[in-house]
Amino acid sequence: MKTARVEDANLVQQTLAGDQRAFQTLVERYQGRLFAVVRHYTRNAVELEDIVQETFLKAYRRLDSFDHRSSFYTWIYRIATNTVLDFLKRRGRSPVQAVEDPELVGEAGARDCPAPMANLEARELAEITQSVLAELPDIFRTVLVMREFDQMAYQEIADTLEISIGTVESRLFRARARFKDKLLKLYPEFGAQ
C-alpha cells in the first residue's frame, strides 16, 4: 500500500511537471474504482461516464492542491463523492439508481448462481436495497455506501469526508438504524425473518 502511495505521489509530481502520461496512468489506475463508486448513485451509463470524467477533470485542475497527507485514492474519492452529490442536487436530488455493480452481477451471477431462481432473488434483493437506500438522506447514504459497499475503513471514510472518526461512527450507527426502519416500513415481511 505504501508503494502505491509513493508511486501515486511521483505520478502527481510528474503530472505537475508537465508529463500528461503520468496523469493518464493515474486515470487508468483508479477509473474502475471510481466507476464502481458512482454506480451506487446512477445506473445510467452516460451519467456514469460524465460524473467520472468530471471527477478526473476536477482532480487534474486541482492537482496542485493535493497535499499528500492522504492517499491519492482518498483524495479523488472525495472529489467523486462531491461531484456525485452536486450532480444529484442539480438533478433534483434523485435517489440512488443502482446498488449492484452490473458488470459483476453479469459475470459472477452466471458462475455463482446457476439456478435462475437464485439470480432472480439476488436481483430482487438488490432492488429492495436500492429502494431503501433511496429513502435515506445523502449524509447517511454516503457513509453507508462507503463502508458497506466500498469496504472503506473508518479512518478512510473520515479522511475522505473530512470528518472525525467519531462522526463516522455516529453517522453509520444512525444510517444503519434508519436503513433498518425504512426496510421494515417498506417491506414488513423482512421483520418476520
Protein backbone atom coordinates (compact mmCIF):
# COMPACT_ATOMS: atom_id res chain seq x y z
CA MET A 1 0.00 0.00 0.00
CA LYS A 2 2.85 2.38 0.83
CA THR A 3 4.41 1.55 -2.52
CA ALA A 4 1.24 2.59 -4.37
CA ARG A 5 1.08 5.78 -2.32
CA VAL A 6 4.68 6.64 -3.22
CA GLU A 7 4.06 5.77 -6.89
CA ASP A 8 0.95 7.97 -6.89
CA ALA A 9 2.88 10.85 -5.31
CA ASN A 10 5.55 10.51 -8.00
CA LEU A 11 2.90 10.44 -10.74
CA VAL A 12 1.33 13.60 -9.31
CA GLN A 13 4.70 15.35 -9.32
CA GLN A 14 5.40 14.20 -12.89
CA THR A 15 1.98 15.48 -13.98
CA LEU A 16 2.60 18.84 -12.35
CA ALA A 17 5.92 18.94 -14.21
CA GLY A 18 4.04 18.56 -17.49
CA ASP A 19 4.02 14.80 -18.13
CA GLN A 20 0.49 14.03 -19.37
CA ARG A 21 1.19 10.30 -19.48
CA ALA A 22 1.66 10.31 -15.71
CA PHE A 23 -1.88 11.57 -15.17
CA GLN A 24 -3.17 9.02 -17.70
CA THR A 25 -1.57 6.33 -15.52
CA LEU A 26 -3.48 7.67 -12.51
CA VAL A 27 -6.70 7.64 -14.53
CA GLU A 28 -6.13 4.05 -15.63
CA ARG A 29 -5.25 3.03 -12.07
CA TYR A 30 -8.39 4.49 -10.45
CA GLN A 31 -11.11 4.73 -13.09
CA GLY A 32 -12.51 1.26 -12.34
CA ARG A 33 -12.84 2.00 -8.65
CA LEU A 34 -14.49 5.37 -9.34
CA PHE A 35 -16.95 3.81 -11.77
CA ALA A 36 -17.89 1.33 -9.03
CA VAL A 37 -18.41 4.18 -6.55
CA VAL A 38 -20.56 6.23 -8.89
CA ARG A 39 -22.62 3.17 -9.88
CA HIS A 40 -24.12 3.28 -6.39
CA TYR A 41 -25.83 6.51 -7.40
CA THR A 42 -26.74 6.08 -11.06
CA ARG A 43 -27.22 3.21 -13.45
CA ASN A 44 -27.37 5.48 -16.50
CA ALA A 45 -24.18 4.83 -18.48
CA VAL A 46 -24.00 8.37 -19.89
CA GLU A 47 -24.39 9.95 -16.45
CA LEU A 48 -21.89 7.49 -15.01
CA GLU A 49 -19.25 8.38 -17.59
CA ASP A 50 -19.96 12.12 -17.26
CA ILE A 51 -19.54 12.04 -13.49
CA VAL A 52 -16.32 10.02 -13.57
CA GLN A 53 -14.91 12.20 -16.34
CA GLU A 54 -15.86 15.35 -14.42
CA THR A 55 -14.16 13.89 -11.33
CA PHE A 56 -10.90 13.38 -13.20
CA LEU A 57 -11.12 16.84 -14.77
CA LYS A 58 -11.60 18.44 -11.35
CA ALA A 59 -8.73 16.38 -9.97
CA TYR A 60 -6.47 17.43 -12.83
CA ARG A 61 -7.33 21.12 -12.38
CA ARG A 62 -6.77 20.91 -8.62
CA LEU A 63 -3.78 18.61 -8.69
CA ASP A 64 -1.55 21.28 -7.19
CA SER A 65 -3.80 21.26 -4.09
CA PHE A 66 -3.15 17.56 -3.42
CA ASP A 67 -1.17 17.74 -0.17
CA HIS A 68 -0.09 14.07 0.17
CA ARG A 69 -1.47 13.80 3.73
CA SER A 70 -4.00 11.28 2.46
CA SER A 71 -3.64 8.77 -0.34
CA PHE A 72 -4.41 9.86 -3.89
CA TYR A 73 -7.39 7.49 -3.94
CA THR A 74 -8.85 9.03 -0.78
CA TRP A 75 -8.40 12.48 -2.30
CA ILE A 76 -10.00 11.58 -5.64
CA TYR A 77 -12.75 9.58 -3.90
CA ARG A 78 -13.68 12.76 -2.01
CA ILE A 79 -13.83 14.65 -5.31
CA ALA A 80 -16.00 11.88 -6.83
CA THR A 81 -18.37 11.90 -3.86
CA ASN A 82 -18.75 15.67 -4.01
CA THR A 83 -19.25 15.53 -7.78
CA VAL A 84 -21.98 12.89 -7.41
CA LEU A 85 -23.75 14.86 -4.68
CA ASP A 86 -23.57 18.04 -6.77
CA PHE A 87 -24.96 16.12 -9.73
CA LEU A 88 -27.84 14.78 -7.63
CA LYS A 89 -28.64 18.27 -6.35
CA ARG A 90 -28.66 19.69 -9.88
CA ARG A 91 -30.92 16.85 -10.95
CA GLY A 92 -33.34 17.47 -8.11
CA ARG A 93 -32.00 15.05 -5.50
CA SER A 94 -32.77 11.91 -7.41
CA PRO A 95 -32.36 8.70 -5.42
CA VAL A 96 -29.74 6.02 -5.78
CA GLN A 97 -30.16 4.22 -9.06
CA ALA A 98 -28.16 1.05 -8.53
CA VAL A 99 -26.55 -0.82 -5.72
CA GLU A 100 -25.09 -3.77 -7.56
CA ASP A 101 -22.23 -3.46 -9.97
CA PRO A 102 -23.93 -4.63 -13.19
CA GLU A 103 -20.65 -5.89 -14.63
CA LEU A 104 -20.01 -8.06 -11.59
CA VAL A 105 -23.60 -9.31 -11.47
CA GLY A 106 -23.36 -10.28 -15.14
CA GLU A 107 -20.05 -12.11 -14.72
CA ALA A 108 -20.35 -13.59 -11.26
CA GLY A 109 -24.07 -14.17 -11.48
CA ALA A 110 -23.63 -16.72 -14.24
CA ARG A 111 -20.99 -18.68 -12.33
CA ASP A 112 -22.19 -18.30 -8.75
CA CYS A 113 -25.95 -18.57 -9.26
CA PRO A 114 -26.61 -21.50 -11.56
CA ALA A 115 -30.29 -21.62 -10.63
CA PRO A 116 -32.44 -18.98 -12.35
CA MET A 117 -34.41 -18.54 -9.11
CA ALA A 118 -31.27 -17.60 -7.17
CA ASN A 119 -30.38 -14.95 -9.76
CA LEU A 120 -33.92 -13.57 -9.57
CA GLU A 121 -33.76 -13.43 -5.77
CA ALA A 122 -30.40 -11.62 -5.89
CA ARG A 123 -31.80 -9.03 -8.29
CA GLU A 124 -34.90 -8.59 -6.17
CA LEU A 125 -32.76 -8.10 -3.06
CA ALA A 126 -30.64 -5.52 -4.94
CA GLU A 127 -33.79 -3.63 -5.96
CA ILE A 128 -35.07 -3.67 -2.38
CA THR A 129 -31.72 -2.42 -1.12
CA GLN A 130 -31.76 0.29 -3.79
CA SER A 131 -35.24 1.47 -2.83
CA VAL A 132 -34.36 1.60 0.88
CA LEU A 133 -31.09 3.46 0.23
CA ALA A 134 -33.03 5.94 -1.90
CA GLU A 135 -35.07 6.84 1.19
CA LEU A 136 -32.01 7.80 3.24
CA PRO A 137 -30.66 11.36 3.36
CA ASP A 138 -27.36 11.82 1.47
CA ILE A 139 -25.41 12.27 4.72
CA PHE A 140 -26.32 8.74 5.84
CA ARG A 141 -26.41 7.07 2.43
CA THR A 142 -22.88 8.22 1.65
CA VAL A 143 -21.26 6.75 4.78
CA LEU A 144 -23.29 3.55 4.42
CA VAL A 145 -22.22 3.08 0.79
CA MET A 146 -18.58 3.85 1.63
CA ARG A 147 -18.49 1.34 4.49
CA GLU A 148 -20.77 -1.47 3.33
CA PHE A 149 -20.30 -1.43 -0.44
CA ASP A 150 -16.85 0.10 -0.89
CA GLN A 151 -15.48 -1.64 2.25
CA MET A 152 -13.66 1.53 3.31
CA ALA A 153 -12.08 1.70 6.76
CA TYR A 154 -13.46 4.21 9.25
CA GLN A 155 -10.30 6.32 9.01
CA GLU A 156 -10.50 6.34 5.22
CA ILE A 157 -14.14 7.48 5.38
CA ALA A 158 -13.19 10.17 7.90
CA ASP A 159 -10.34 11.38 5.68
CA THR A 160 -12.49 11.34 2.55
CA LEU A 161 -15.39 13.25 4.09
CA GLU A 162 -13.10 15.42 6.25
CA ILE A 163 -14.92 14.47 9.47
CA SER A 164 -13.82 12.78 12.69
CA ILE A 165 -13.94 9.04 13.23
CA GLY A 166 -16.50 9.66 15.97
CA THR A 167 -18.73 11.39 13.43
CA VAL A 168 -18.27 8.47 11.03
CA GLU A 169 -19.27 6.02 13.76
CA SER A 170 -22.28 8.13 14.72
CA ARG A 171 -23.47 8.54 11.13
CA LEU A 172 -23.01 4.83 10.42
CA PHE A 173 -24.96 3.89 13.53
CA ARG A 174 -27.79 6.25 12.58
CA ALA A 175 -27.63 5.20 8.90
CA ARG A 176 -27.94 1.52 9.78
CA ALA A 177 -30.82 2.23 12.15
CA ARG A 178 -32.61 4.32 9.53
CA PHE A 179 -31.95 1.68 6.88
CA LYS A 180 -33.49 -0.99 9.10
CA ASP A 181 -36.51 1.21 9.95
CA LYS A 182 -37.12 2.06 6.28
CA LEU A 183 -36.66 -1.58 5.28
CA LEU A 184 -39.27 -2.75 7.78
CA LYS A 185 -41.62 0.09 6.84
CA LEU A 186 -41.37 -0.56 3.09
CA TYR A 187 -41.01 -4.35 3.32
CA PRO A 188 -42.56 -5.58 6.59
CA GLU A 189 -42.06 -9.19 5.51
CA PHE A 190 -38.37 -8.82 6.44
CA GLY A 191 -39.38 -8.32 10.08
CA ALA A 192 -40.74 -11.86 10.28
CA GLN A 193 -37.37 -13.44 9.43
